[in-house]
Amino acid sequence: MQVFPPTVVTLDATNIPASSYSEWSSVTNYVAGNNVRVTTSVPHREYRALQASLNKPPATEPAYWSDLGATNQYRLLDDSSSTQTTATTSFYSTLIPAGTPTHLALFGMTGVLSVRIEVTFEGAVVYDVTHTLEVLRETASWWEFFFGLRAYQSSLLVPVGGWYGGEFKLTFTGDTGATVGVGHVALGIAISLGETLYGANLAMTQYSTKEADEWGNIVLVRRVNAKVASVKLLCNDAQVDHIYRTLEALDATPAAWDLNNTTGAGEGYDSFRIWGIADFRVLLEGHNATYCELDVTGLI
């Protein structure tokens, strides 16, 4: 399996419209309910006034402002995979990463049928690949094959060559008139940790609630859920310190985790690719018997 610590990414261009809210100003008097945007830091964010204020910066004055999250342009670059950048039919975003990322990871995609990845280096296109996200599956009948519901990957992890100074244009396309959404985009360098052993488990933590009123009527409050996986890795004895340092450096730091042992695009289980954080234990159980236990929690 591999982990991909994300590199710093700059949004260079997109056809997603900028936030319609006005830029926050230190000389403007605001009243409760006013909405503003702040584009002086990345990701750009939106805020709503909780009370009247003057010269109360939203990022540092939570008593005066409620953080509404990143703007639509920047939601695919915040830490969450459930807050999506959305558009109708299709959209593109051009990203410039720091360093030399080897892989691109996409999470929380809905309504996306295909992703085109174009890498430009010194004015020339050096990589141009389109990935179709439909999942091939077994069907019980020809009727189901032709008319049944189609399933599509919600995540994608692909090698992109490692171009220093490259520009990555990502084009997400769905059905005409449909909403396409992308939760998170990460570019990073692959680090191998070991071989995932049989017995790995995957679960979902639900934050929705079910309540009954005095008459017994059930009220469901739908909320987001978090993916949780636990795996045991067989590791190389000589890599123990390397593995520990790698995981220690990711303390409280979101990263892309591919818990599969396969490395090719479209291989392995889509469900075992997670954008999140991990707890770990390194186990020295004997000669040539080094293991690492990982508990990975997806960010929502």
Protein backbone atom coordinates (compact mmCIF):
# COMPACT_ATOMS: atom_id res chain seq x y z
CA MET A 1 0.00 0.00 0.00
CA GLN A 2 1.01 3.61 -0.43
CA VAL A 3 0.44 6.98 1.15
CA PHE A 4 0.62 10.28 -0.71
CA PRO A 5 1.42 13.30 1.48
CA PRO A 6 -0.04 16.22 -0.45
CA THR A 7 2.09 19.01 -1.84
CA VAL A 8 1.05 22.66 -1.74
CA VAL A 9 -1.16 23.44 -4.73
CA THR A 10 -2.07 26.80 -6.30
CA LEU A 11 -5.30 27.28 -8.25
CA ASP A 12 -4.14 28.98 -11.44
CA ALA A 13 -7.34 29.03 -13.52
CA THR A 14 -10.90 27.72 -13.55
CA ASN A 15 -14.20 28.32 -15.32
CA ILE A 16 -16.07 28.15 -12.01
CA PRO A 17 -17.45 31.66 -11.30
CA ALA A 18 -15.98 33.53 -8.35
CA SER A 19 -18.09 33.97 -5.22
CA SER A 20 -20.88 36.50 -5.73
CA TYR A 21 -20.28 37.94 -2.24
CA SER A 22 -18.40 41.22 -1.89
CA GLU A 23 -14.85 41.23 -0.55
CA TRP A 24 -14.65 41.97 3.17
CA SER A 25 -13.49 45.53 3.90
CA SER A 26 -12.13 46.99 7.11
CA VAL A 27 -13.99 50.30 6.50
CA THR A 28 -17.44 48.80 5.89
CA ASN A 29 -20.08 48.61 8.62
CA TYR A 30 -21.66 45.16 8.60
CA VAL A 31 -24.90 43.97 10.19
CA ALA A 32 -26.04 40.48 11.11
CA GLY A 33 -26.79 38.40 8.02
CA ASN A 34 -24.32 40.12 5.68
CA ASN A 35 -22.22 37.73 3.60
CA VAL A 36 -18.64 38.41 2.50
CA ARG A 37 -15.74 36.63 0.91
CA VAL A 38 -12.06 36.73 1.86
CA THR A 39 -9.58 36.08 -0.96
CA THR A 40 -6.39 37.26 0.73
CA SER A 41 -5.63 33.72 1.92
CA VAL A 42 -5.93 30.26 0.36
CA PRO A 43 -8.39 28.70 0.14
CA HIS A 44 -10.72 31.65 -0.45
CA ARG A 45 -13.53 31.54 2.11
CA GLU A 46 -17.03 32.90 2.70
CA TYR A 47 -18.41 34.26 5.97
CA ARG A 48 -21.76 35.42 7.38
CA ALA A 49 -22.02 38.21 9.94
CA LEU A 50 -23.42 37.17 13.32
CA GLN A 51 -23.69 40.73 14.65
CA ALA A 52 -22.88 44.32 13.71
CA SER A 53 -19.18 45.01 13.29
CA LEU A 54 -16.53 47.35 11.92
CA ASN A 55 -12.96 46.28 11.19
CA LYS A 56 -13.44 42.78 12.62
CA PRO A 57 -11.53 40.41 10.29
CA PRO A 58 -13.66 37.27 9.70
CA ALA A 59 -10.74 34.85 9.96
CA THR A 60 -9.81 36.00 13.48
CA GLU A 61 -13.14 37.19 14.92
CA PRO A 62 -15.42 34.13 15.28
CA ALA A 63 -17.72 36.01 17.65
CA TYR A 64 -18.67 38.29 14.76
CA TRP A 65 -18.51 35.94 11.78
CA SER A 66 -19.64 32.41 10.94
CA ASP A 67 -17.29 30.55 8.60
CA LEU A 68 -19.35 29.22 5.67
CA GLY A 69 -16.38 27.34 4.23
CA ALA A 70 -14.34 27.66 1.08
CA THR A 71 -15.77 29.33 -2.01
CA ASN A 72 -17.05 27.05 -4.76
CA GLN A 73 -13.82 27.53 -6.72
CA TYR A 74 -11.71 26.35 -3.78
CA ARG A 75 -13.78 23.59 -2.16
CA LEU A 76 -11.83 20.95 -4.06
CA LEU A 77 -8.69 22.20 -2.29
CA ASP A 78 -9.96 22.38 1.30
CA ASP A 79 -9.34 19.51 3.74
CA SER A 80 -12.82 18.02 3.40
CA SER A 81 -13.91 15.52 0.76
CA SER A 82 -17.64 16.16 1.26
CA THR A 83 -17.61 19.91 0.55
CA GLN A 84 -17.65 19.88 -3.23
CA THR A 85 -16.78 22.23 -6.04
CA THR A 86 -19.86 21.89 -8.26
CA ALA A 87 -20.95 22.94 -11.74
CA THR A 88 -23.47 21.98 -14.40
CA THR A 89 -22.34 19.44 -17.03
CA SER A 90 -18.58 20.07 -16.69
CA PHE A 91 -15.86 22.32 -15.34
CA TYR A 92 -12.08 22.59 -15.33
CA SER A 93 -9.47 23.68 -12.81
CA THR A 94 -5.79 24.27 -13.58
CA LEU A 95 -3.45 23.59 -10.66
CA ILE A 96 0.23 24.34 -10.15
CA PRO A 97 1.84 22.13 -7.49
CA ALA A 98 4.99 22.82 -5.56
CA GLY A 99 7.70 20.20 -5.91
CA THR A 100 7.44 17.17 -8.18
CA PRO A 101 4.28 15.16 -7.51
CA THR A 102 4.16 11.65 -8.92
CA HIS A 103 0.45 10.97 -8.42
CA LEU A 104 -2.93 12.69 -8.62
CA ALA A 105 -5.71 11.71 -6.20
CA LEU A 106 -9.38 12.68 -6.56
CA PHE A 107 -12.02 12.09 -3.88
CA GLY A 108 -15.71 12.71 -3.28
CA MET A 109 -16.73 12.83 -6.94
CA THR A 110 -20.45 12.71 -7.79
CA GLY A 111 -22.04 12.94 -11.22
CA VAL A 112 -18.59 12.75 -12.87
CA LEU A 113 -18.46 10.40 -15.86
CA SER A 114 -14.93 11.15 -17.00
CA VAL A 115 -11.83 13.07 -15.97
CA ARG A 116 -9.34 14.49 -18.45
CA ILE A 117 -5.85 15.17 -17.09
CA GLU A 118 -3.59 17.46 -19.12
CA VAL A 119 -0.09 18.30 -17.93
CA THR A 120 1.72 21.20 -19.56
CA PHE A 121 5.46 21.66 -19.10
CA GLU A 122 7.28 24.69 -20.49
CA GLY A 123 4.39 25.37 -22.86
CA ALA A 124 4.14 21.83 -24.24
CA VAL A 125 1.53 19.21 -23.38
CA VAL A 126 3.46 16.24 -21.97
CA TYR A 127 0.57 14.20 -20.59
CA ASP A 128 -3.03 14.02 -21.82
CA VAL A 129 -5.17 11.13 -20.59
CA THR A 130 -8.93 10.80 -20.11
CA HIS A 131 -10.22 8.35 -17.49
CA THR A 132 -13.76 6.99 -17.75
CA LEU A 133 -15.19 6.37 -14.30
CA GLU A 134 -17.95 3.84 -15.04
CA VAL A 135 -17.48 0.67 -13.01
CA LEU A 136 -17.88 -2.62 -14.86
CA ARG A 137 -19.91 -5.04 -12.79
CA GLU A 138 -21.61 -8.41 -12.97
CA THR A 139 -25.31 -8.26 -13.93
CA ALA A 140 -28.06 -10.82 -13.39
CA SER A 141 -29.74 -10.30 -16.77
CA TRP A 142 -29.44 -8.56 -20.12
CA TRP A 143 -32.19 -6.16 -19.01
CA GLU A 144 -30.10 -5.10 -16.03
CA PHE A 145 -27.02 -4.80 -18.27
CA PHE A 146 -28.74 -2.36 -20.64
CA PHE A 147 -31.20 -0.57 -18.35
CA GLY A 148 -29.96 -1.03 -14.79
CA LEU A 149 -28.37 1.70 -12.73
CA ARG A 150 -24.83 2.58 -13.69
CA ALA A 151 -22.13 2.84 -11.02
CA TYR A 152 -19.21 5.27 -11.15
CA GLN A 153 -16.02 5.62 -9.17
CA SER A 154 -16.09 8.33 -6.52
CA SER A 155 -12.29 8.41 -6.28
CA LEU A 156 -9.38 8.10 -8.66
CA LEU A 157 -5.64 7.67 -8.07
CA VAL A 158 -3.29 7.83 -11.05
CA PRO A 159 0.43 8.29 -11.72
CA VAL A 160 1.15 11.54 -13.59
CA GLY A 161 4.84 11.38 -14.34
CA GLY A 162 6.47 13.77 -11.85
CA TRP A 163 6.91 17.00 -13.82
CA TYR A 164 8.59 19.78 -11.84
CA GLY A 165 6.93 23.09 -12.69
CA GLY A 166 4.11 21.41 -14.61
CA GLU A 167 0.56 22.79 -14.86
CA PHE A 168 -2.24 20.28 -14.30
CA LYS A 169 -5.53 21.01 -16.06
CA LEU A 170 -8.32 18.76 -14.79
CA THR A 171 -11.61 18.65 -16.71
CA PHE A 172 -14.56 16.92 -15.03
CA THR A 173 -17.47 15.95 -17.29
CA GLY A 174 -20.92 14.58 -16.49
CA ASP A 175 -24.25 14.21 -18.28
CA THR A 176 -25.58 17.29 -20.06
CA GLY A 177 -27.47 19.46 -17.58
CA ALA A 178 -26.47 17.33 -14.58
CA THR A 179 -24.53 18.52 -11.55
CA VAL A 180 -20.93 17.35 -11.28
CA GLY A 181 -19.10 17.65 -7.98
CA VAL A 182 -15.54 17.08 -6.77
CA GLY A 183 -14.73 16.89 -3.07
CA HIS A 184 -10.95 17.00 -3.00
CA VAL A 185 -7.94 17.09 -5.32
CA ALA A 186 -4.47 16.19 -4.06
CA LEU A 187 -1.10 15.94 -5.77
CA GLY A 188 1.70 14.16 -3.96
CA ILE A 189 4.66 11.80 -4.03
CA ALA A 190 4.01 8.09 -3.51
CA ILE A 191 5.55 6.49 -0.41
CA SER A 192 5.32 2.70 -0.07
CA LEU A 193 4.68 1.44 3.47
CA GLY A 194 4.22 -2.29 3.04
CA GLU A 195 1.89 -5.02 1.85
CA THR A 196 -1.73 -4.98 3.01
CA LEU A 197 -2.60 -8.38 4.51
CA TYR A 198 -5.91 -10.22 4.32
CA GLY A 199 -8.29 -9.31 7.12
CA ALA A 200 -8.52 -5.60 6.27
CA ASN A 201 -11.87 -4.11 7.17
CA LEU A 202 -13.81 -1.09 6.01
CA ALA A 203 -16.70 0.61 7.77
CA MET A 204 -18.75 3.78 7.71
CA THR A 205 -19.38 6.02 10.70
CA GLN A 206 -22.79 7.63 10.34
CA TYR A 207 -23.60 11.01 11.85
CA SER A 208 -27.25 10.98 10.80
CA THR A 209 -29.76 10.76 13.64
CA LYS A 210 -33.04 8.90 14.13
CA GLU A 211 -35.48 10.38 16.62
CA ALA A 212 -39.05 9.52 17.56
CA ASP A 213 -41.65 12.07 18.66
CA GLU A 214 -44.27 11.42 21.35
CA TRP A 215 -46.50 9.66 18.80
CA GLY A 216 -43.77 7.33 17.63
CA ASN A 217 -43.18 9.07 14.31
CA ILE A 218 -39.59 8.61 13.22
CA VAL A 219 -37.70 11.72 12.14
CA LEU A 220 -34.51 11.15 10.18
CA VAL A 221 -31.92 13.90 10.12
CA ARG A 222 -29.54 13.14 7.29
CA ARG A 223 -25.91 14.10 7.84
CA VAL A 224 -22.58 13.16 6.34
CA ASN A 225 -20.71 9.94 7.07
CA ALA A 226 -17.03 9.09 7.43
CA LYS A 227 -15.19 6.14 5.94
CA VAL A 228 -13.06 4.18 8.43
CA ALA A 229 -10.59 1.43 7.54
CA SER A 230 -8.29 -0.80 9.60
CA VAL A 231 -5.47 -2.71 7.93
CA LYS A 232 -2.38 -4.67 8.92
CA LEU A 233 0.74 -4.32 6.80
CA LEU A 234 3.69 -6.63 6.33
CA CYS A 235 6.75 -4.38 6.31
CA ASN A 236 10.42 -4.66 5.47
CA ASP A 237 12.57 -4.82 8.62
CA ALA A 238 15.03 -2.37 7.12
CA GLN A 239 12.24 0.18 6.59
CA VAL A 240 10.96 0.38 10.17
CA ASP A 241 12.50 3.77 10.94
CA HIS A 242 11.50 5.12 7.53
CA ILE A 243 7.90 3.99 8.04
CA TYR A 244 7.75 5.45 11.54
CA ARG A 245 9.17 8.81 10.42
CA THR A 246 6.78 8.95 7.48
CA LEU A 247 3.72 8.31 9.63
CA GLU A 248 4.95 10.57 12.43
CA ALA A 249 5.29 13.44 9.93
CA LEU A 250 1.64 12.92 8.96
CA ASP A 251 0.36 13.41 12.51
CA ALA A 252 -2.91 15.40 12.24
CA THR A 253 -2.12 15.95 8.55
CA PRO A 254 -4.60 14.80 5.87
CA ALA A 255 -3.17 12.62 3.13
CA ALA A 256 -4.29 10.30 0.36
CA TRP A 257 -4.18 6.65 1.47
CA ASP A 258 -4.31 3.80 -1.03
CA LEU A 259 -4.72 0.64 1.04
CA ASN A 260 -4.62 -1.58 -2.06
CA ASN A 261 -1.48 -3.45 -3.05
CA THR A 262 -2.01 -2.60 -6.74
CA THR A 263 -0.54 0.59 -8.17
CA GLY A 264 -2.10 1.00 -11.64
CA ALA A 265 -4.92 3.38 -12.53
CA GLY A 266 -8.31 1.71 -12.12
CA GLU A 267 -6.88 -1.26 -10.19
CA GLY A 268 -7.79 -2.32 -6.68
CA TYR A 269 -10.81 -1.37 -4.61
CA ASP A 270 -12.13 2.17 -5.01
CA SER A 271 -13.49 1.93 -1.44
CA PHE A 272 -10.01 1.43 0.01
CA ARG A 273 -8.77 4.81 -1.23
CA ILE A 274 -9.31 7.38 1.50
CA TRP A 275 -8.58 11.04 2.02
CA GLY A 276 -8.00 11.30 5.75
CA ILE A 277 -5.76 10.88 8.77
CA ALA A 278 -4.34 7.75 10.39
CA ASP A 279 -3.35 6.29 13.75
CA PHE A 280 -0.65 3.65 13.62
CA ARG A 281 1.27 1.04 15.57
CA VAL A 282 4.53 -0.58 14.46
CA LEU A 283 4.82 -4.20 15.67
CA LEU A 284 8.16 -6.04 15.87
CA GLU A 285 6.93 -9.60 16.30
CA GLY A 286 10.09 -11.47 15.40
CA HIS A 287 12.89 -11.85 12.90
CA ASN A 288 11.60 -10.77 9.47
CA ALA A 289 8.19 -10.29 11.04
CA THR A 290 7.59 -6.55 11.18
CA TYR A 291 4.03 -5.32 10.92
CA CYS A 292 2.24 -2.00 11.01
CA GLU A 293 -1.40 -1.54 11.99
CA LEU A 294 -3.20 1.45 10.49
CA ASP A 295 -6.57 2.94 11.41
CA VAL A 296 -7.49 5.45 8.71
CA THR A 297 -10.40 7.86 9.21
CA GLY A 298 -11.79 9.74 6.24
CA LEU A 299 -12.31 13.48 6.52
CA ILE A 300 -15.85 14.68 5.92
